Each structure stands twice: as C-alpha cells, then as structure tokens.
Amino acid sequence: MPETVRMTTGKQDLELEVVEGTEDEKGVDISNLRAKTGLVTLDPAFMNTASTSSSITFLDGERGILRYRGIPIEEMGEKSTFAETAYLLIYGHLPNRDEMGRWQYLLTRHSMIHEDMRRFFDGYPMTAHPMAILSAMVSSLSSFYPYALNAKADEYRDITIARLIAKLPTIAAFSYKKTVGHPFIYPRNDLDYCANFLRMSRTVPPAPCAWSDPRRPTCSPASPPASARSGARSTAAPTRKWWRCWRTSASGASPPRSSSRR
C-alpha cells in the first residue's frame, strides 16, 4: 500500500501520496491540493519544494550532486565532449560512432547565421548586455525558420535542435564582440564546437589565433580574453532561462532550488 500523508482542513480530510525519487528522497504530491480543497501552498524560496520530476537531470545542490541521465557530471566532464553531453541530454543515451559523426556534421554545417541576422547587431548599442542580445537574437531565429514551429514532426524537431545548438556559439560570440567593438569572426567548418566558439570570441584580425589542433587553441597574448557574461517555441523557450540567469547574476541572488524525481 502506498505511503500517504493525511491533511486536515476544516472538516475535510485529504490523503496525499508520498512519492520516492531515484536517490531515496521522499516528497508529498500536492498536485491535486487546490482542486480538492481550494488551498495553495506558500514556499517563497522553494526551499521545501521539488520543482519537477525529470528523467534527464538529477540535482542536489546541498550534497553537490549533478547527474545527466544518471551519469555523474564529473564523469561527463572527464570523458565526454560538449557535443556528446548535449546528445545524451536530448536523446537519452550517448551516441555511437555513426550517431556522433552525424551529430558533429549537423553542429558544424549549421553554425552560420543568416546574413540578415548579422545586421540585427548593428541596432544594439555597445552598452547592451550580451545576455539581452543573445536572448533577442535566438528568439528571432523562428522568423528565419518558420517550419521549426512544427515540433511534433521528428524531422523538423531534430534539425531544429541541431540548428539551435549549432548557432548559439556564433550568436554568443557575436554578442560579445558587439559589446567590445570588435569585428565579427565567422565560424569554420574544420573546427569542433568548442574550438569554434573560442576562436570567434577571442580572435581579432591583427592577432588571429593559431590552431595547431582543433581541440587545443593557442592564441596570441594580444588577443582579447573571452568574456563569460551571464545572467513555447523551440527557439523562444530557452530565452526565458537566460533572462532568469541574467537577473540572478545581476542581483547576486542564488537561483531557486530544484530537484529531479523519477
């Protein structure tokens, strides 16, 4: 018999189911509380609330645990590339050789943005925060790829996922370059995902980066340091998270606690 918690409000008794997660943590399911009692809970800092049930990520900040699809983040950091980790999060398993080859191809071939989008950057002042530019530019992608709104079709969904991930380093690098007044550096197909981002962020025409190995960039000391500034529709949904991170970093507050459940 499942474990329950009894709640009494006035003359009404309510049985709330106790749910158990993959790490043996327990929680009370209050999803029907308002419907059955008209009451809601008050937990301003989310200190007593698990925000979601997820098969993708398990997070316990107090114990320093982060797992992607059950794999510890430290193991992913040591043994996997960014592209492999992204594939794992999206599709639920690490790619085999053929899948990885296809995935790398998509991330490389779709790294360019439409030239009309590049002109959008001219409208932003140098004082604009890179996170604000990034959010607006990603939202505008849906204007250039309207069929991406058909997220229920596998062929459109998969190419939209790859296109969004592939173009983010270019948009992010351009956003940073705009704030420092440097010319934009276009991506190269002979570099991998992370190397391309570093090159586009760090290179300036008078002191280009020397790439002896796509995974080991060696840049001139005169190159500007990269800046790690942070703070619905497939191309619009991620922007909400970036705005949230931007507000959090600007205020100095810690992000709300979340925990994943099975």
Protein backbone atom coordinates (compact mmCIF):
# COMPACT_ATOMS: atom_id res chain seq x y z
CA MET A 1 0.00 0.00 0.00
CA PRO A 2 1.48 3.37 -0.98
CA GLU A 3 2.59 5.68 1.80
CA THR A 4 0.39 8.73 2.31
CA VAL A 5 0.20 11.88 4.39
CA ARG A 6 -3.11 12.97 5.87
CA MET A 7 -4.02 16.65 5.75
CA THR A 8 -7.00 18.07 7.63
CA THR A 9 -8.55 21.41 6.74
CA GLY A 10 -11.79 22.28 8.49
CA LYS A 11 -13.98 19.19 8.29
CA GLN A 12 -12.19 17.81 5.23
CA ASP A 13 -9.52 15.10 5.36
CA LEU A 14 -7.22 14.66 2.36
CA GLU A 15 -4.81 11.81 1.67
CA LEU A 16 -1.66 12.99 -0.14
CA GLU A 17 0.58 10.42 -1.80
CA VAL A 18 4.23 10.19 -0.80
CA VAL A 19 6.48 9.80 -3.84
CA GLU A 20 10.04 8.46 -3.80
CA GLY A 21 12.83 9.51 -6.14
CA THR A 22 15.84 7.68 -7.53
CA GLU A 23 18.04 8.77 -4.63
CA ASP A 24 15.54 7.53 -1.99
CA GLU A 25 14.39 11.08 -1.30
CA LYS A 26 10.71 11.42 -0.45
CA GLY A 27 8.19 14.11 -1.21
CA VAL A 28 4.48 14.78 -0.84
CA ASP A 29 2.47 15.07 -4.06
CA ILE A 30 0.22 18.12 -3.70
CA SER A 31 -0.74 18.39 -7.37
CA ASN A 32 -4.45 17.95 -6.51
CA LEU A 33 -4.44 20.12 -3.40
CA ARG A 34 -6.05 23.19 -4.94
CA ALA A 35 -8.59 21.22 -6.94
CA LYS A 36 -9.80 19.32 -3.87
CA THR A 37 -9.51 21.96 -1.16
CA GLY A 38 -9.17 25.34 -2.85
CA LEU A 39 -5.91 25.84 -0.95
CA VAL A 40 -2.42 26.53 -2.27
CA THR A 41 0.96 26.27 -0.58
CA LEU A 42 3.28 29.15 0.27
CA ASP A 43 7.01 28.48 -0.20
CA PRO A 44 8.62 31.77 -1.36
CA ALA A 45 12.20 30.47 -1.71
CA PHE A 46 11.30 26.97 -2.94
CA MET A 47 13.28 25.58 0.00
CA ASN A 48 10.72 22.82 0.59
CA THR A 49 9.56 22.26 -2.97
CA ALA A 50 10.88 19.98 -5.70
CA SER A 51 10.18 21.86 -8.91
CA THR A 52 9.90 18.96 -11.32
CA SER A 53 10.00 15.24 -11.97
CA SER A 54 12.71 14.54 -14.54
CA SER A 55 14.38 11.61 -16.26
CA ILE A 56 17.01 13.99 -17.69
CA THR A 57 18.70 15.60 -14.71
CA PHE A 58 19.10 14.92 -11.01
CA LEU A 59 20.28 17.88 -8.96
CA ASP A 60 21.02 18.12 -5.24
CA GLY A 61 22.95 21.31 -4.55
CA GLU A 62 23.29 20.64 -0.83
CA ARG A 63 25.19 17.40 -1.47
CA GLY A 64 26.94 18.63 -4.59
CA ILE A 65 25.32 16.07 -6.90
CA LEU A 66 24.50 16.62 -10.55
CA ARG A 67 23.73 13.74 -12.89
CA TYR A 68 22.78 13.78 -16.55
CA ARG A 69 20.68 10.74 -17.48
CA GLY A 70 22.10 9.04 -14.39
CA ILE A 71 25.75 9.77 -15.24
CA PRO A 72 27.70 11.95 -12.74
CA ILE A 73 28.67 15.33 -14.17
CA GLU A 74 32.30 14.84 -13.14
CA GLU A 75 32.45 11.69 -15.27
CA MET A 76 30.95 13.53 -18.23
CA GLY A 77 33.47 16.33 -17.78
CA GLU A 78 36.41 13.93 -17.82
CA LYS A 79 35.35 11.54 -20.58
CA SER A 80 32.88 13.29 -22.88
CA THR A 81 32.85 16.31 -25.15
CA PHE A 82 30.26 19.05 -25.08
CA ALA A 83 28.62 17.62 -28.20
CA GLU A 84 28.38 14.14 -26.66
CA THR A 85 26.86 15.56 -23.49
CA ALA A 86 24.29 17.54 -25.46
CA TYR A 87 23.34 14.41 -27.41
CA LEU A 88 22.95 12.47 -24.16
CA LEU A 89 20.63 15.07 -22.65
CA ILE A 90 18.46 15.27 -25.76
CA TYR A 91 18.21 11.65 -26.83
CA GLY A 92 18.77 9.77 -23.57
CA HIS A 93 21.91 7.85 -24.49
CA LEU A 94 25.49 8.51 -25.52
CA PRO A 95 25.94 8.41 -29.31
CA ASN A 96 27.68 5.57 -31.12
CA ARG A 97 30.26 6.32 -33.80
CA ASP A 98 27.73 6.81 -36.62
CA GLU A 99 25.39 8.89 -34.49
CA MET A 100 28.24 11.06 -33.29
CA GLY A 101 29.50 11.61 -36.83
CA ARG A 102 26.07 12.72 -37.98
CA TRP A 103 25.62 14.94 -34.89
CA GLN A 104 29.00 16.62 -35.37
CA TYR A 105 28.21 17.20 -39.02
CA LEU A 106 24.95 18.96 -38.16
CA LEU A 107 26.54 21.13 -35.46
CA THR A 108 29.27 22.19 -37.88
CA ARG A 109 27.21 22.77 -41.02
CA HIS A 110 24.53 24.82 -39.27
CA SER A 111 26.85 27.13 -37.32
CA MET A 112 26.40 30.06 -39.72
CA ILE A 113 23.59 32.54 -39.17
CA HIS A 114 21.68 34.28 -41.93
CA GLU A 115 23.48 37.42 -43.06
CA ASP A 116 20.34 39.46 -42.40
CA MET A 117 20.55 38.37 -38.77
CA ARG A 118 24.11 39.63 -38.58
CA ARG A 119 22.80 43.08 -39.47
CA PHE A 120 20.50 42.99 -36.44
CA PHE A 121 23.55 43.50 -34.25
CA ASP A 122 24.03 46.96 -35.78
CA GLY A 123 20.90 48.12 -33.97
CA TYR A 124 22.24 47.38 -30.48
CA PRO A 125 24.33 49.93 -28.56
CA MET A 126 27.73 48.86 -27.25
CA THR A 127 26.33 49.14 -23.73
CA ALA A 128 23.77 46.39 -24.37
CA HIS A 129 24.28 43.36 -22.15
CA PRO A 130 25.39 40.28 -24.16
CA MET A 131 22.68 38.17 -22.49
CA ALA A 132 19.97 40.56 -23.70
CA ILE A 133 21.36 40.44 -27.25
CA LEU A 134 21.66 36.65 -27.16
CA SER A 135 18.08 36.24 -25.96
CA ALA A 136 16.64 38.53 -28.63
CA MET A 137 18.69 37.00 -31.44
CA VAL A 138 17.72 33.43 -30.60
CA SER A 139 14.06 34.41 -30.45
CA SER A 140 14.37 35.88 -33.94
CA LEU A 141 15.54 32.53 -35.37
CA SER A 142 11.92 31.42 -35.66
CA SER A 143 11.38 34.18 -38.22
CA PHE A 144 14.02 32.65 -40.48
CA TYR A 145 12.94 29.02 -39.91
CA PRO A 146 9.12 29.13 -39.56
CA TYR A 147 8.70 25.38 -40.13
CA ALA A 148 10.60 24.88 -36.86
CA LEU A 149 7.30 25.59 -35.13
CA ASN A 150 6.17 22.10 -36.20
CA ALA A 151 7.91 20.50 -33.22
CA LYS A 152 5.80 17.34 -33.27
CA ALA A 153 7.35 16.08 -36.51
CA ASP A 154 10.62 14.24 -35.87
CA GLU A 155 12.35 15.53 -38.99
CA TYR A 156 11.66 19.15 -38.10
CA ARG A 157 12.30 18.73 -34.40
CA ASP A 158 15.71 17.10 -34.81
CA ILE A 159 17.00 19.62 -37.32
CA THR A 160 15.69 22.48 -35.19
CA ILE A 161 17.50 21.13 -32.12
CA ALA A 162 20.75 20.81 -34.07
CA ARG A 163 20.33 24.23 -35.68
CA LEU A 164 19.70 25.95 -32.34
CA ILE A 165 22.71 24.35 -30.63
CA ALA A 166 24.93 24.94 -33.67
CA LYS A 167 24.12 28.64 -33.98
CA LEU A 168 24.38 29.51 -30.29
CA PRO A 169 28.20 29.81 -30.23
CA THR A 170 28.07 32.13 -33.24
CA ILE A 171 25.34 34.31 -31.74
CA ALA A 172 27.03 34.35 -28.33
CA ALA A 173 30.41 35.27 -29.81
CA PHE A 174 28.86 37.99 -31.97
CA SER A 175 27.02 39.35 -28.90
CA TYR A 176 30.30 39.63 -27.01
CA LYS A 177 32.13 41.16 -29.97
CA LYS A 178 29.41 43.80 -30.24
CA THR A 179 29.97 44.94 -26.65
CA VAL A 180 33.74 45.37 -27.13
CA GLY A 181 33.52 46.93 -30.59
CA HIS A 182 35.42 44.21 -32.44
CA PRO A 183 34.59 42.85 -35.90
CA PHE A 184 32.67 39.61 -36.07
CA ILE A 185 34.58 36.39 -36.73
CA TYR A 186 32.73 33.75 -38.72
CA PRO A 187 32.78 30.03 -37.79
CA ARG A 188 34.97 27.50 -39.55
CA ASN A 189 33.89 24.01 -40.57
CA ASP A 190 37.27 22.46 -39.78
CA LEU A 191 36.97 23.24 -36.04
CA ASP A 192 34.90 21.43 -33.47
CA TYR A 193 32.11 23.01 -31.45
CA CYS A 194 34.05 24.46 -28.52
CA ALA A 195 37.10 25.41 -30.58
CA ASN A 196 34.89 27.38 -32.94
CA PHE A 197 33.37 29.33 -30.07
CA LEU A 198 36.77 30.15 -28.58
CA ARG A 199 38.08 31.30 -31.93
CA MET A 200 35.07 33.50 -32.68
CA SER A 201 35.23 35.02 -29.19
CA ARG A 202 38.98 35.56 -28.89
CA THR A 203 40.28 36.26 -32.36
CA VAL A 204 40.86 39.76 -33.72
CA PRO A 205 42.20 40.39 -37.25
CA PRO A 206 45.58 41.84 -36.14
CA ALA A 207 46.28 38.89 -33.83
CA PRO A 208 44.50 35.79 -35.09
CA CYS A 209 44.52 32.58 -33.07
CA ALA A 210 46.82 29.82 -34.29
CA TRP A 211 45.04 26.48 -34.39
CA SER A 212 47.59 23.69 -34.46
CA ASP A 213 44.91 21.31 -33.18
CA PRO A 214 41.15 21.93 -33.22
CA ARG A 215 40.96 20.96 -29.54
CA ARG A 216 44.00 22.96 -28.40
CA PRO A 217 43.79 26.62 -29.40
CA THR A 218 46.93 28.66 -28.79
CA CYS A 219 46.17 32.37 -29.01
CA SER A 220 48.36 35.41 -29.19
CA PRO A 221 48.70 37.29 -25.89
CA ALA A 222 47.36 40.31 -27.71
CA SER A 223 44.02 38.60 -28.31
CA PRO A 224 41.24 39.83 -26.03
CA PRO A 225 40.11 37.39 -23.34
CA ALA A 226 36.77 35.68 -23.79
CA SER A 227 34.02 37.04 -21.62
CA ALA A 228 31.68 34.66 -19.81
CA ARG A 229 28.80 37.02 -19.15
CA SER A 230 25.55 35.55 -17.97
CA GLY A 231 22.69 36.31 -16.31
CA ALA A 232 6.51 27.83 -26.27
CA ARG A 233 8.58 27.97 -29.33
CA SER A 234 11.67 25.88 -29.83
CA THR A 235 13.74 28.99 -30.49
CA ALA A 236 12.00 31.18 -27.92
CA ALA A 237 11.71 28.85 -24.92
CA PRO A 238 15.43 28.87 -23.99
CA THR A 239 15.44 32.65 -23.74
CA ARG A 240 13.31 32.56 -20.59
CA LYS A 241 16.05 30.63 -18.81
CA TRP A 242 18.72 33.08 -19.96
CA TRP A 243 16.71 36.07 -18.76
CA ARG A 244 16.29 34.31 -15.43
CA CYS A 245 20.02 33.59 -15.16
CA TRP A 246 20.83 37.17 -16.15
CA ARG A 247 18.54 38.60 -13.45
CA THR A 248 20.00 36.20 -10.88
CA SER A 249 23.61 37.11 -11.68
CA ALA A 250 22.83 40.82 -11.70
CA SER A 251 21.16 40.71 -8.28
CA GLY A 252 23.73 38.39 -6.71
CA ALA A 253 20.97 36.03 -5.55
CA SER A 254 21.13 32.27 -5.68
CA PRO A 255 18.87 30.51 -8.19
CA PRO A 256 15.83 28.68 -6.82
CA ARG A 257 16.44 25.19 -5.58
CA SER A 258 15.22 22.38 -7.79
CA SER A 259 15.29 18.64 -7.56
CA SER A 260 14.55 15.95 -10.08
CA ARG A 261 12.42 12.93 -9.43
CA ARG A 262 11.87 9.65 -11.19
